Amino acid sequence: MTFTNAVCVALIAGNGVIDKLELETNIPVTHRTFLATYQAKLAAKSTTKSEDRRFLHVLEVWMIQRHKITA
């Protein structure tokens, strides 16, 4: 079995997750800039594990923040 970003690509394409995260004002500009770069790289070719981990971290922080706001 080979490593692919198929799940991440489907999540981004189907739900526009990165596009929606880029519009969030409570996410720092550095994270939003990274998300734009990550999305372009993901569409063009595969990403590195460190980039995938950073994306996961941004998503995780946003989920925790949203839980605190809605809880």
N, C-alpha and C. Protein backbone atom coordinates (compact mmCIF):
# COMPACT_ATOMS: atom_id res chain seq x y z
N MET A 1 0.84 -1.17 0.00
CA MET A 1 0.00 0.00 0.00
C MET A 1 0.89 1.24 0.00
N THR A 2 0.54 2.20 -0.82
CA THR A 2 1.35 3.41 -0.90
C THR A 2 0.64 4.55 -0.19
N PHE A 3 1.44 5.53 0.24
CA PHE A 3 0.91 6.69 0.93
C PHE A 3 0.39 7.69 -0.09
N THR A 4 -0.87 8.11 0.06
CA THR A 4 -1.43 9.14 -0.81
C THR A 4 -2.21 10.13 0.04
N ASN A 5 -2.54 11.25 -0.55
CA ASN A 5 -3.33 12.27 0.11
C ASN A 5 -4.79 12.21 -0.35
N ALA A 6 -5.24 11.05 -0.78
CA ALA A 6 -6.56 10.92 -1.37
C ALA A 6 -7.68 11.39 -0.43
N VAL A 7 -7.59 11.06 0.83
CA VAL A 7 -8.63 11.46 1.79
C VAL A 7 -8.63 12.98 1.94
N CYS A 8 -7.47 13.54 2.10
CA CYS A 8 -7.35 14.99 2.26
C CYS A 8 -7.84 15.71 1.01
N VAL A 9 -7.47 15.22 -0.16
CA VAL A 9 -7.91 15.83 -1.41
C VAL A 9 -9.42 15.78 -1.54
N ALA A 10 -10.03 14.65 -1.20
CA ALA A 10 -11.48 14.51 -1.27
C ALA A 10 -12.17 15.44 -0.27
N LEU A 11 -11.63 15.54 0.92
CA LEU A 11 -12.19 16.42 1.94
C LEU A 11 -12.15 17.87 1.48
N ILE A 12 -11.06 18.27 0.91
CA ILE A 12 -10.89 19.64 0.45
C ILE A 12 -11.77 19.92 -0.76
N ALA A 13 -11.80 19.02 -1.70
CA ALA A 13 -12.58 19.22 -2.92
C ALA A 13 -14.08 19.17 -2.64
N GLY A 14 -14.50 18.21 -1.87
CA GLY A 14 -15.93 18.03 -1.62
C GLY A 14 -16.54 19.05 -0.69
N ASN A 15 -15.83 19.41 0.34
CA ASN A 15 -16.37 20.30 1.37
C ASN A 15 -15.76 21.69 1.39
N GLY A 16 -14.68 21.90 0.65
CA GLY A 16 -14.03 23.20 0.65
C GLY A 16 -13.50 23.58 2.03
N VAL A 17 -13.00 22.60 2.75
CA VAL A 17 -12.56 22.83 4.13
C VAL A 17 -11.51 23.93 4.20
N ILE A 18 -10.50 23.86 3.36
CA ILE A 18 -9.44 24.86 3.42
C ILE A 18 -9.98 26.24 3.05
N ASP A 19 -10.84 26.30 2.04
CA ASP A 19 -11.44 27.59 1.66
C ASP A 19 -12.19 28.20 2.84
N LYS A 20 -12.93 27.40 3.55
CA LYS A 20 -13.69 27.89 4.70
C LYS A 20 -12.77 28.30 5.85
N LEU A 21 -11.71 27.54 6.07
CA LEU A 21 -10.76 27.90 7.12
C LEU A 21 -10.05 29.22 6.80
N GLU A 22 -9.78 29.45 5.52
CA GLU A 22 -9.12 30.69 5.13
C GLU A 22 -10.00 31.92 5.39
N LEU A 23 -11.30 31.73 5.45
CA LEU A 23 -12.21 32.84 5.70
C LEU A 23 -12.41 33.11 7.19
N GLU A 24 -11.99 32.20 8.04
CA GLU A 24 -12.14 32.36 9.48
C GLU A 24 -11.22 33.48 9.98
N THR A 25 -11.79 34.44 10.65
CA THR A 25 -10.98 35.56 11.15
C THR A 25 -10.25 35.23 12.44
N ASN A 26 -10.67 34.18 13.14
CA ASN A 26 -9.99 33.85 14.39
C ASN A 26 -8.77 32.95 14.17
N ILE A 27 -8.47 32.62 12.93
CA ILE A 27 -7.27 31.87 12.60
C ILE A 27 -6.18 32.89 12.23
N PRO A 28 -4.99 32.78 12.80
CA PRO A 28 -3.93 33.74 12.50
C PRO A 28 -3.61 33.82 11.01
N VAL A 29 -3.16 34.97 10.58
CA VAL A 29 -2.84 35.20 9.17
C VAL A 29 -1.77 34.21 8.68
N THR A 30 -0.82 33.90 9.54
CA THR A 30 0.23 32.96 9.14
C THR A 30 -0.35 31.59 8.80
N HIS A 31 -1.35 31.16 9.57
CA HIS A 31 -2.00 29.88 9.29
C HIS A 31 -2.81 29.96 8.00
N ARG A 32 -3.49 31.07 7.79
CA ARG A 32 -4.28 31.23 6.57
C ARG A 32 -3.40 31.26 5.33
N THR A 33 -2.25 31.90 5.45
CA THR A 33 -1.28 31.92 4.34
C THR A 33 -0.78 30.51 4.06
N PHE A 34 -0.46 29.78 5.12
CA PHE A 34 -0.02 28.40 4.97
C PHE A 34 -1.10 27.56 4.29
N LEU A 35 -2.36 27.75 4.70
CA LEU A 35 -3.46 26.98 4.12
C LEU A 35 -3.59 27.20 2.62
N ALA A 36 -3.42 28.45 2.19
CA ALA A 36 -3.50 28.75 0.75
C ALA A 36 -2.37 28.04 -0.01
N THR A 37 -1.18 28.09 0.54
CA THR A 37 -0.03 27.42 -0.08
C THR A 37 -0.22 25.91 -0.07
N TYR A 38 -0.68 25.40 1.05
CA TYR A 38 -0.90 23.96 1.19
C TYR A 38 -1.93 23.45 0.19
N GLN A 39 -3.01 24.19 0.03
CA GLN A 39 -4.06 23.79 -0.90
C GLN A 39 -3.54 23.74 -2.33
N ALA A 40 -2.78 24.75 -2.72
CA ALA A 40 -2.22 24.78 -4.07
C ALA A 40 -1.24 23.62 -4.29
N LYS A 41 -0.41 23.37 -3.30
CA LYS A 41 0.56 22.28 -3.41
C LYS A 41 -0.15 20.93 -3.44
N LEU A 42 -1.18 20.80 -2.65
CA LEU A 42 -1.93 19.54 -2.59
C LEU A 42 -2.61 19.25 -3.94
N ALA A 43 -3.10 20.28 -4.59
CA ALA A 43 -3.75 20.10 -5.88
C ALA A 43 -2.74 19.77 -6.98
N ALA A 44 -1.54 20.30 -6.87
CA ALA A 44 -0.52 20.11 -7.90
C ALA A 44 0.27 18.81 -7.74
N LYS A 45 0.62 18.49 -6.50
CA LYS A 45 1.43 17.30 -6.24
C LYS A 45 1.27 16.92 -4.78
N SER A 46 1.99 15.93 -4.35
CA SER A 46 1.85 15.50 -2.97
C SER A 46 2.59 16.45 -2.02
N THR A 47 2.19 16.42 -0.78
CA THR A 47 2.77 17.27 0.25
C THR A 47 3.71 16.45 1.12
N THR A 48 4.46 17.13 1.96
CA THR A 48 5.36 16.43 2.87
C THR A 48 4.61 16.09 4.16
N LYS A 49 5.18 15.19 4.91
CA LYS A 49 4.56 14.82 6.18
C LYS A 49 4.50 16.00 7.14
N SER A 50 5.53 16.84 7.14
CA SER A 50 5.53 18.00 8.04
C SER A 50 4.43 18.98 7.65
N GLU A 51 4.17 19.15 6.37
CA GLU A 51 3.07 20.02 5.93
C GLU A 51 1.72 19.42 6.32
N ASP A 52 1.60 18.11 6.18
CA ASP A 52 0.36 17.44 6.58
C ASP A 52 0.12 17.58 8.08
N ARG A 53 1.18 17.47 8.87
CA ARG A 53 1.06 17.63 10.32
C ARG A 53 0.67 19.06 10.68
N ARG A 54 1.23 20.03 9.96
CA ARG A 54 0.88 21.42 10.24
C ARG A 54 -0.59 21.67 9.89
N PHE A 55 -1.05 21.11 8.77
CA PHE A 55 -2.47 21.25 8.41
C PHE A 55 -3.35 20.63 9.49
N LEU A 56 -2.98 19.47 9.96
CA LEU A 56 -3.73 18.81 11.02
C LEU A 56 -3.76 19.67 12.28
N HIS A 57 -2.64 20.29 12.61
CA HIS A 57 -2.57 21.16 13.78
C HIS A 57 -3.51 22.36 13.63
N VAL A 58 -3.51 23.00 12.47
CA VAL A 58 -4.39 24.15 12.22
C VAL A 58 -5.85 23.72 12.35
N LEU A 59 -6.18 22.59 11.76
CA LEU A 59 -7.55 22.07 11.83
C LEU A 59 -7.93 21.73 13.27
N GLU A 60 -7.01 21.13 14.00
CA GLU A 60 -7.26 20.75 15.39
C GLU A 60 -7.50 21.98 16.27
N VAL A 61 -6.65 23.00 16.13
CA VAL A 61 -6.79 24.22 16.91
C VAL A 61 -8.13 24.88 16.60
N TRP A 62 -8.49 24.94 15.33
CA TRP A 62 -9.76 25.55 14.94
C TRP A 62 -10.94 24.78 15.54
N MET A 63 -10.89 23.45 15.51
CA MET A 63 -11.97 22.63 16.07
C MET A 63 -12.12 22.88 17.57
N ILE A 64 -11.01 22.97 18.28
CA ILE A 64 -11.06 23.22 19.72
C ILE A 64 -11.63 24.60 19.99
N GLN A 65 -11.22 25.60 19.22
CA GLN A 65 -11.75 26.95 19.39
C GLN A 65 -13.25 26.99 19.14
N ARG A 66 -13.71 26.32 18.09
CA ARG A 66 -15.12 26.30 17.76
C ARG A 66 -15.91 25.61 18.85
N HIS A 67 -15.36 24.56 19.44
CA HIS A 67 -16.05 23.86 20.53
C HIS A 67 -16.22 24.77 21.73
N LYS A 68 -15.19 25.56 22.03
CA LYS A 68 -15.28 26.49 23.16
C LYS A 68 -16.32 27.57 22.90
N ILE A 69 -16.44 28.02 21.66
CA ILE A 69 -17.39 29.08 21.31
C ILE A 69 -18.83 28.56 21.39
N THR A 70 -19.04 27.34 20.93
CA THR A 70 -20.40 26.80 20.87
C THR A 70 -20.82 26.06 22.12
N ALA A 71 -19.88 25.76 23.00
CA ALA A 71 -20.21 24.98 24.20
C ALA A 71 -20.88 25.84 25.25
